[in-house]
Amino acid sequence: DNASFADLLGFFSPSSDPENMSDTAYVAYTDGDYTARPNFTLMHEIGHYLQETDFDLMSRICSFEDDCVGKRFEEDACNRFASIALLPDKYIMDEILSDGYCADAISRIYEKGRSGQKKAKTSIRVSRIAVVRRIGALLRGRGYASLVKIPRKNQLGTPELSCRAWNDGTVDFSEELTEAETTLLLVAQSQEVSRYCANGRTFLGSDPSERPTRADIAFSYGRQNYAFIVVEYPDMVMKDGLYASMRSYPTQKDVLKWKQPQIPDDVLRSEERTMLAFHS
């Protein structure tokens, strides 16, 4: 399963002889390596231990007629368990403040764990993907939280999706970006800001069936540069339609020529009235 190989480096081995041998969880890591990934992997493997030693949980897996579907269900359940174990509801609610589930909140949770783990007992060190998955699953409306890898200024290439976590619990690692993700990246990078919240002009000119009710982006810097993105759509927007319209990020040449459209105020007011009617 794509999700398993994308960000997990562990293995759970149930005992073949419970009376004489112990169940074992293996976690791959390198001394001095970044600790967030092994933290998530360890909790994921503990999830496998619980899943395969608890009768009720095990019977749920065995209820699937297709073994591949059952295995995928188990992997998703263990990912979910690891996310909630590392980032409990109370911790999330204390950290998002009044901002809600936005890109800046994801950045704040991640950066607090990265910079303050040795100084504060209340910080939790987790990977960017772990926070994105957790917040994506908490979104109330149709939408997703995504993590996009950004090339440095001296590097060739275009932004690449690392993870997109939808509010229905699914996670994808497609090579294409949604129109909202592309637009947010283009606007924020053209304005050279560390975070950006979409306004009424941001998505003018795009298909109304793909326009979000809200969207924002926050950049995260380190060995690699990333962007956290959160996008929510009206309930009538079809997820399959969003998938169908995803496309590759513009080439460097096209990015240099790109300019955010200048919309007259009367057109903007008319467009906003249309969008309000569409959303209601």
Protein backbone atom coordinates (compact mmCIF):
# COMPACT_ATOMS: atom_id res chain seq x y z
CA ASP A 1 0.00 0.00 0.00
CA ASN A 2 1.41 3.34 -1.10
CA ALA A 3 0.88 5.04 2.26
CA SER A 4 2.80 2.33 4.11
CA PHE A 5 5.98 2.59 2.06
CA ALA A 6 5.82 6.39 1.88
CA ASP A 7 6.53 7.20 5.51
CA LEU A 8 6.88 4.08 7.69
CA LEU A 9 10.09 2.27 8.64
CA GLY A 10 9.01 -0.39 11.11
CA PHE A 11 7.80 -3.95 11.41
CA PHE A 12 5.72 -5.87 13.97
CA SER A 13 6.43 -9.57 14.44
CA PRO A 14 3.82 -11.51 16.45
CA SER A 15 5.14 -14.42 18.45
CA SER A 16 4.69 -17.88 16.96
CA ASP A 17 4.89 -19.36 20.46
CA PRO A 18 3.27 -16.92 22.94
CA GLU A 19 4.29 -19.03 25.97
CA ASN A 20 8.02 -18.95 25.21
CA MET A 21 8.52 -15.97 22.92
CA SER A 22 7.63 -12.29 23.00
CA ASP A 23 5.92 -10.21 20.35
CA THR A 24 8.49 -7.86 18.84
CA ALA A 25 8.28 -4.42 17.23
CA TYR A 26 11.20 -3.26 15.08
CA VAL A 27 11.90 0.41 14.30
CA ALA A 28 14.65 1.43 11.88
CA TYR A 29 16.66 4.53 12.80
CA THR A 30 20.15 5.99 12.71
CA ASP A 31 21.93 7.37 15.79
CA GLY A 32 21.63 11.13 15.78
CA ASP A 33 18.90 11.04 13.16
CA TYR A 34 15.75 13.15 13.31
CA THR A 35 13.55 11.66 16.05
CA ALA A 36 10.06 12.52 14.79
CA ARG A 37 9.77 9.70 12.25
CA PRO A 38 10.82 6.89 14.67
CA ASN A 39 8.32 8.28 17.22
CA PHE A 40 5.46 7.86 14.74
CA THR A 41 6.75 4.50 13.51
CA LEU A 42 7.00 3.12 17.05
CA MET A 43 3.42 4.13 17.84
CA HIS A 44 2.30 2.64 14.50
CA GLU A 45 3.90 -0.70 15.38
CA ILE A 46 2.34 -0.63 18.86
CA GLY A 47 -0.94 -0.16 16.98
CA HIS A 48 -0.22 -3.41 15.11
CA TYR A 49 0.46 -5.14 18.45
CA LEU A 50 -2.92 -3.98 19.80
CA GLN A 51 -4.67 -4.80 16.54
CA GLU A 52 -3.33 -8.36 16.44
CA THR A 53 -3.56 -9.25 20.15
CA ASP A 54 -7.03 -7.85 20.94
CA PHE A 55 -9.80 -10.25 19.90
CA ASP A 56 -12.34 -7.57 18.96
CA LEU A 57 -9.83 -5.61 16.87
CA MET A 58 -8.48 -8.75 15.22
CA SER A 59 -11.98 -9.99 14.35
CA ARG A 60 -12.65 -6.65 12.62
CA ILE A 61 -9.70 -7.24 10.28
CA CYS A 62 -10.75 -10.83 9.64
CA SER A 63 -14.24 -9.67 8.65
CA PHE A 64 -12.91 -8.47 5.26
CA GLU A 65 -13.22 -11.06 2.50
CA ASP A 66 -10.30 -9.52 0.62
CA ASP A 67 -7.00 -9.84 2.52
CA CYS A 68 -5.57 -6.80 0.75
CA VAL A 69 -8.49 -4.65 1.88
CA GLY A 70 -8.13 -5.97 5.44
CA LYS A 71 -4.41 -5.18 5.44
CA ARG A 72 -5.01 -1.67 4.16
CA PHE A 73 -7.65 -1.15 6.83
CA GLU A 74 -5.16 -2.27 9.48
CA GLU A 75 -2.44 0.08 8.16
CA ASP A 76 -4.86 3.01 8.12
CA ALA A 77 -6.04 2.18 11.64
CA CYS A 78 -2.45 2.04 12.94
CA ASN A 79 -1.63 5.36 11.28
CA ARG A 80 -4.72 6.85 12.91
CA PHE A 81 -3.76 5.37 16.29
CA ALA A 82 -0.22 6.80 16.06
CA SER A 83 -1.51 10.25 15.08
CA ILE A 84 -3.98 10.43 17.97
CA ALA A 85 -1.52 8.94 20.48
CA LEU A 86 1.15 11.53 19.61
CA LEU A 87 -1.24 14.45 19.10
CA PRO A 88 -4.23 13.99 21.44
CA ASP A 89 -7.36 16.09 20.98
CA LYS A 90 -6.66 18.28 24.02
CA TYR A 91 -3.15 19.10 22.84
CA ILE A 92 -4.46 20.04 19.39
CA MET A 93 -7.24 22.22 20.82
CA ASP A 94 -4.81 24.02 23.16
CA GLU A 95 -2.50 24.79 20.25
CA ILE A 96 -4.88 25.95 17.52
CA LEU A 97 -6.12 28.83 19.73
CA SER A 98 -8.83 30.79 17.91
CA ASP A 99 -7.30 30.27 14.46
CA GLY A 100 -9.12 27.01 13.75
CA TYR A 101 -7.67 24.22 11.66
CA CYS A 102 -5.49 26.32 9.37
CA ALA A 103 -2.03 26.07 7.84
CA ASP A 104 -0.57 28.44 10.42
CA ALA A 105 -1.84 26.18 13.22
CA ILE A 106 -0.11 23.18 11.62
CA SER A 107 3.11 25.18 11.38
CA ARG A 108 2.83 26.31 14.99
CA ILE A 109 2.33 22.74 16.31
CA TYR A 110 5.23 21.41 14.25
CA GLU A 111 7.63 24.25 15.09
CA LYS A 112 6.86 24.06 18.81
CA GLY A 113 7.83 20.40 18.84
CA ARG A 114 10.94 20.99 16.74
CA SER A 115 12.33 23.91 18.73
CA GLY A 116 11.02 23.36 22.23
CA GLN A 117 11.13 19.64 23.01
CA LYS A 118 14.16 19.91 25.31
CA LYS A 119 12.83 23.03 27.02
CA ALA A 120 9.14 22.32 27.58
CA LYS A 121 7.37 19.17 28.69
CA THR A 122 4.25 20.27 26.80
CA SER A 123 5.85 20.16 23.34
CA ILE A 124 5.47 17.06 21.19
CA ARG A 125 8.05 16.27 18.51
CA VAL A 126 6.37 14.89 15.41
CA SER A 127 7.02 15.02 11.68
CA ARG A 128 5.36 17.49 9.35
CA ILE A 129 3.38 14.66 7.73
CA ALA A 130 2.05 13.51 11.12
CA VAL A 131 0.66 16.98 11.90
CA VAL A 132 -0.81 17.34 8.41
CA ARG A 133 -2.56 13.97 8.70
CA ARG A 134 -3.96 14.85 12.11
CA ILE A 135 -5.34 18.26 11.12
CA GLY A 136 -6.65 17.01 7.77
CA ALA A 137 -8.78 14.40 9.52
CA LEU A 138 -10.21 17.06 11.87
CA LEU A 139 -11.50 19.40 9.16
CA ARG A 140 -15.25 19.76 9.47
CA GLY A 141 -16.03 20.56 5.84
CA ARG A 142 -14.97 18.85 2.64
CA GLY A 143 -11.29 19.54 2.21
CA TYR A 144 -7.74 18.55 3.03
CA ALA A 145 -4.46 19.53 4.63
CA SER A 146 -1.41 19.04 2.44
CA LEU A 147 2.36 19.15 2.69
CA VAL A 148 4.28 20.32 -0.39
CA LYS A 149 8.06 20.15 -0.78
CA ILE A 150 9.48 23.42 -2.16
CA PRO A 151 12.81 23.61 -4.04
CA ARG A 152 15.34 26.05 -2.62
CA LYS A 153 16.12 29.14 -4.68
CA ASN A 154 19.36 27.59 -5.92
CA GLN A 155 17.68 24.29 -6.81
CA LEU A 156 16.00 23.30 -10.05
CA GLY A 157 12.59 21.66 -10.06
CA THR A 158 9.02 22.46 -9.08
CA PRO A 159 6.99 21.95 -5.88
CA GLU A 160 6.13 18.30 -5.15
CA LEU A 161 3.30 16.94 -3.04
CA SER A 162 4.52 14.96 -0.01
CA CYS A 163 1.10 14.18 1.47
CA ARG A 164 -2.54 15.25 1.18
CA ALA A 165 -4.82 14.27 4.07
CA TRP A 166 -8.57 14.57 3.41
CA ASN A 167 -11.22 15.12 6.05
CA ASP A 168 -12.72 11.69 5.30
CA GLY A 169 -9.52 10.03 6.56
CA THR A 170 -8.00 9.14 3.19
CA VAL A 171 -4.43 10.14 2.33
CA ASP A 172 -2.96 10.45 -1.15
CA PHE A 173 0.51 11.05 -2.55
CA SER A 174 -0.35 12.04 -6.13
CA GLU A 175 2.18 13.86 -8.29
CA GLU A 176 -0.34 16.52 -9.37
CA LEU A 177 -1.58 19.48 -7.34
CA THR A 178 -5.10 20.84 -7.02
CA GLU A 179 -5.84 24.24 -8.51
CA ALA A 180 -6.13 25.69 -4.99
CA GLU A 181 -2.69 24.38 -4.00
CA THR A 182 -1.09 25.74 -7.17
CA THR A 183 -2.74 29.15 -6.80
CA LEU A 184 -1.75 29.50 -3.14
CA LEU A 185 1.86 28.62 -3.95
CA LEU A 186 2.02 31.06 -6.86
CA VAL A 187 0.46 33.94 -4.91
CA ALA A 188 2.50 33.43 -1.73
CA GLN A 189 5.80 33.00 -3.56
CA SER A 190 5.17 36.00 -5.82
CA GLN A 191 4.54 38.14 -2.74
CA GLU A 192 7.50 36.58 -0.87
CA VAL A 193 5.53 36.04 2.34
CA SER A 194 5.89 33.28 4.94
CA ARG A 195 2.12 32.74 5.16
CA TYR A 196 -0.88 33.75 3.12
CA CYS A 197 -4.67 33.56 3.61
CA ALA A 198 -6.75 33.58 0.43
CA ASN A 199 -8.94 36.62 -0.18
CA GLY A 200 -11.85 37.23 -2.55
CA ARG A 201 -9.55 37.82 -5.53
CA THR A 202 -7.33 34.80 -5.13
CA PHE A 203 -9.41 32.26 -7.02
CA LEU A 204 -11.19 34.51 -9.52
CA GLY A 205 -10.99 33.03 -12.98
CA SER A 206 -11.01 29.47 -11.73
CA ASP A 207 -13.91 27.05 -12.17
CA PRO A 208 -16.61 27.82 -9.53
CA SER A 209 -16.95 24.08 -8.86
CA GLU A 210 -13.34 24.07 -7.58
CA ARG A 211 -13.31 27.27 -5.56
CA PRO A 212 -12.71 26.82 -1.83
CA THR A 213 -14.63 28.53 0.94
CA ARG A 214 -11.31 29.16 2.66
CA ALA A 215 -7.67 28.35 2.01
CA ASP A 216 -4.33 29.33 3.48
CA ILE A 217 -0.64 28.46 3.26
CA ALA A 218 2.33 28.65 5.66
CA PHE A 219 5.95 27.88 4.79
CA SER A 220 8.28 25.73 6.91
CA TYR A 221 12.05 25.87 6.49
CA GLY A 222 14.82 23.43 7.40
CA ARG A 223 17.04 20.96 5.56
CA GLN A 224 14.25 20.99 3.02
CA ASN A 225 11.67 23.71 2.51
CA TYR A 226 7.97 22.87 2.72
CA ALA A 227 4.56 24.48 2.56
CA PHE A 228 1.62 23.57 4.79
CA ILE A 229 -1.71 24.10 3.00
CA VAL A 230 -5.30 23.81 4.26
CA VAL A 231 -8.25 24.04 1.84
CA GLU A 232 -11.98 23.59 2.46
CA TYR A 233 -14.75 23.51 -0.16
CA PRO A 234 -18.55 23.79 -0.16
CA ASP A 235 -20.20 20.44 0.53
CA MET A 236 -21.56 20.21 -3.01
CA VAL A 237 -18.06 20.21 -4.53
CA MET A 238 -17.31 16.65 -5.63
CA LYS A 239 -14.05 15.11 -4.48
CA ASP A 240 -13.79 13.06 -7.68
CA GLY A 241 -14.04 16.27 -9.67
CA LEU A 242 -11.15 17.77 -7.72
CA TYR A 243 -9.06 14.68 -8.43
CA ALA A 244 -9.93 14.84 -12.14
CA SER A 245 -8.80 18.46 -12.45
CA MET A 246 -5.43 18.09 -10.72
CA ARG A 247 -2.45 19.03 -12.86
CA SER A 248 1.31 19.41 -12.75
CA TYR A 249 2.78 22.58 -11.30
CA PRO A 250 3.71 25.20 -13.96
CA THR A 251 7.24 25.15 -15.34
CA GLN A 252 9.83 27.69 -14.16
CA LYS A 253 9.29 29.68 -17.36
CA ASP A 254 5.52 29.86 -16.82
CA VAL A 255 5.97 30.85 -13.16
CA LEU A 256 8.15 33.82 -14.14
CA LYS A 257 5.41 35.06 -16.48
CA TRP A 258 2.58 34.51 -13.97
CA LYS A 259 0.86 37.53 -12.45
CA GLN A 260 -2.11 37.61 -10.12
CA PRO A 261 -5.05 39.03 -12.10
CA GLN A 262 -6.05 42.63 -11.38
CA ILE A 263 -9.84 42.57 -11.04
CA PRO A 264 -11.95 45.79 -11.05
CA ASP A 265 -13.88 46.32 -7.81
CA ASP A 266 -17.31 46.10 -9.47
CA VAL A 267 -16.40 42.74 -11.01
CA LEU A 268 -15.08 41.56 -7.66
CA ARG A 269 -18.31 42.54 -5.87
CA SER A 270 -20.39 40.74 -8.48
CA GLU A 271 -18.17 37.67 -8.21
CA GLU A 272 -18.42 37.66 -4.42
CA ARG A 273 -22.23 37.76 -4.62
CA THR A 274 -22.14 34.80 -6.98
CA MET A 275 -19.80 32.90 -4.67
CA LEU A 276 -21.99 33.59 -1.63
CA ALA A 277 -25.02 32.24 -3.51
CA PHE A 278 -22.98 29.19 -4.59
CA HIS A 279 -21.82 28.48 -1.04
CA SER A 280 -25.29 28.80 0.45
